[in-house]
């Protein structure tokens, strides 16, 4: 989820997105004009928590209601 937010935010800010699809460790350093400040990172993190909370709460309810053997592995 965080990678999707990084791609969307980078694209929205009209910054180069191509490096996000490469292996940065082997493809060399990222371009110099990429990245965001800490307030933007925190805002995207909070947005991710807000969007994922209903899904996690639903799944917790499923695990509480059902006792299928395979749910213990998730």
C-alpha atoms as a PDB file:
ATOM      1  CA  UNK A   1       0.000   0.000   0.000  1.00  0.00           C
ATOM      2  CA  UNK A   2       2.803   2.402   0.829  1.00  0.00           C
ATOM      3  CA  UNK A   3       4.423   1.869  -2.559  1.00  0.00           C
ATOM      4  CA  UNK A   4       1.128   2.740  -4.291  1.00  0.00           C
ATOM      5  CA  UNK A   5       0.930   5.941  -2.241  1.00  0.00           C
ATOM      6  CA  UNK A   6       4.536   6.768  -3.136  1.00  0.00           C
ATOM      7  CA  UNK A   7       3.844   6.300  -6.829  1.00  0.00           C
ATOM      8  CA  UNK A   8       0.626   8.341  -6.701  1.00  0.00           C
ATOM      9  CA  UNK A   9       2.178  11.186  -4.699  1.00  0.00           C
ATOM     10  CA  UNK A  10       5.269  11.324  -6.897  1.00  0.00           C
ATOM     11  CA  UNK A  11       3.169  11.314 -10.059  1.00  0.00           C
ATOM     12  CA  UNK A  12       0.825  13.976  -8.630  1.00  0.00           C
ATOM     13  CA  UNK A  13       3.798  16.202  -7.800  1.00  0.00           C
ATOM     14  CA  UNK A  14       5.035  15.852 -11.411  1.00  0.00           C
ATOM     15  CA  UNK A  15       8.260  14.231 -10.284  1.00  0.00           C
ATOM     16  CA  UNK A  16       9.963  11.336 -12.099  1.00  0.00           C
ATOM     17  CA  UNK A  17       8.248   8.052 -11.253  1.00  0.00           C
ATOM     18  CA  UNK A  18      10.310   5.630 -13.321  1.00  0.00           C
ATOM     19  CA  UNK A  19      12.878   4.995 -10.592  1.00  0.00           C
ATOM     20  CA  UNK A  20      10.140   3.639  -8.298  1.00  0.00           C
ATOM     21  CA  UNK A  21       9.787   0.673 -10.650  1.00  0.00           C
ATOM     22  CA  UNK A  22      13.493  -0.193 -10.721  1.00  0.00           C
ATOM     23  CA  UNK A  23      15.779  -1.850  -8.223  1.00  0.00           C
ATOM     24  CA  UNK A  24      17.385   1.244  -6.741  1.00  0.00           C
ATOM     25  CA  UNK A  25      20.147  -0.718  -5.033  1.00  0.00           C
ATOM     26  CA  UNK A  26      21.462  -2.070  -8.330  1.00  0.00           C
ATOM     27  CA  UNK A  27      20.289   0.620 -10.754  1.00  0.00           C
ATOM     28  CA  UNK A  28      22.270   3.382  -9.073  1.00  0.00           C
ATOM     29  CA  UNK A  29      21.147   6.185  -6.796  1.00  0.00           C
ATOM     30  CA  UNK A  30      17.712   7.768  -7.240  1.00  0.00           C
ATOM     31  CA  UNK A  31      17.443  11.093  -9.070  1.00  0.00           C
ATOM     32  CA  UNK A  32      18.184  14.204  -7.041  1.00  0.00           C
ATOM     33  CA  UNK A  33      14.778  15.839  -7.520  1.00  0.00           C
ATOM     34  CA  UNK A  34      12.675  13.103  -5.906  1.00  0.00           C
ATOM     35  CA  UNK A  35      11.276  12.561  -2.434  1.00  0.00           C
ATOM     36  CA  UNK A  36       9.081  14.457  -0.032  1.00  0.00           C
ATOM     37  CA  UNK A  37       9.461  16.182   3.284  1.00  0.00           C
ATOM     38  CA  UNK A  38       8.478  14.627   6.575  1.00  0.00           C
ATOM     39  CA  UNK A  39       5.020  16.312   6.769  1.00  0.00           C
ATOM     40  CA  UNK A  40       4.022  14.743   3.435  1.00  0.00           C
ATOM     41  CA  UNK A  41       5.336  11.350   4.524  1.00  0.00           C
ATOM     42  CA  UNK A  42       3.368  11.549   7.779  1.00  0.00           C
ATOM     43  CA  UNK A  43       0.222  12.640   5.909  1.00  0.00           C
ATOM     44  CA  UNK A  44       0.493   9.685   3.528  1.00  0.00           C
ATOM     45  CA  UNK A  45       1.119   7.340   6.457  1.00  0.00           C
ATOM     46  CA  UNK A  46      -1.985   8.593   8.273  1.00  0.00           C
ATOM     47  CA  UNK A  47      -4.005   8.273   5.059  1.00  0.00           C
ATOM     48  CA  UNK A  48      -2.848   4.665   4.732  1.00  0.00           C
ATOM     49  CA  UNK A  49      -3.899   3.883   8.303  1.00  0.00           C
ATOM     50  CA  UNK A  50      -7.292   5.502   7.773  1.00  0.00           C
ATOM     51  CA  UNK A  51      -7.899   3.579   4.546  1.00  0.00           C
ATOM     52  CA  UNK A  52      -6.736   0.206   5.884  1.00  0.00           C
ATOM     53  CA  UNK A  53      -8.456   0.354   9.292  1.00  0.00           C
ATOM     54  CA  UNK A  54     -11.937  -0.678   8.035  1.00  0.00           C
ATOM     55  CA  UNK A  55     -10.459  -3.650   6.179  1.00  0.00           C
ATOM     56  CA  UNK A  56      -8.494  -4.756   9.240  1.00  0.00           C
ATOM     57  CA  UNK A  57     -11.526  -4.332  11.513  1.00  0.00           C
ATOM     58  CA  UNK A  58     -13.653  -6.398   9.119  1.00  0.00           C
ATOM     59  CA  UNK A  59     -11.054  -9.159   8.995  1.00  0.00           C
ATOM     60  CA  UNK A  60     -10.751  -9.172  12.786  1.00  0.00           C
ATOM     61  CA  UNK A  61     -14.520  -9.689  12.915  1.00  0.00           C
ATOM     62  CA  UNK A  62     -14.288 -12.575  10.451  1.00  0.00           C
ATOM     63  CA  UNK A  63     -11.596 -14.234  12.571  1.00  0.00           C
ATOM     64  CA  UNK A  64     -13.697 -13.749  15.710  1.00  0.00           C
ATOM     65  CA  UNK A  65     -16.853 -15.220  14.127  1.00  0.00           C
ATOM     66  CA  UNK A  66     -15.303 -18.164  12.329  1.00  0.00           C
ATOM     67  CA  UNK A  67     -12.979 -20.856  13.615  1.00  0.00           C
ATOM     68  CA  UNK A  68     -11.725 -22.283  10.323  1.00  0.00           C
ATOM     69  CA  UNK A  69      -8.289 -23.868  10.684  1.00  0.00           C
ATOM     70  CA  UNK A  70      -6.728 -21.846   7.886  1.00  0.00           C
ATOM     71  CA  UNK A  71      -7.658 -18.504   9.482  1.00  0.00           C
ATOM     72  CA  UNK A  72      -5.158 -19.160  12.260  1.00  0.00           C
ATOM     73  CA  UNK A  73      -2.376 -18.872   9.681  1.00  0.00           C
ATOM     74  CA  UNK A  74      -3.416 -15.369   8.561  1.00  0.00           C
END
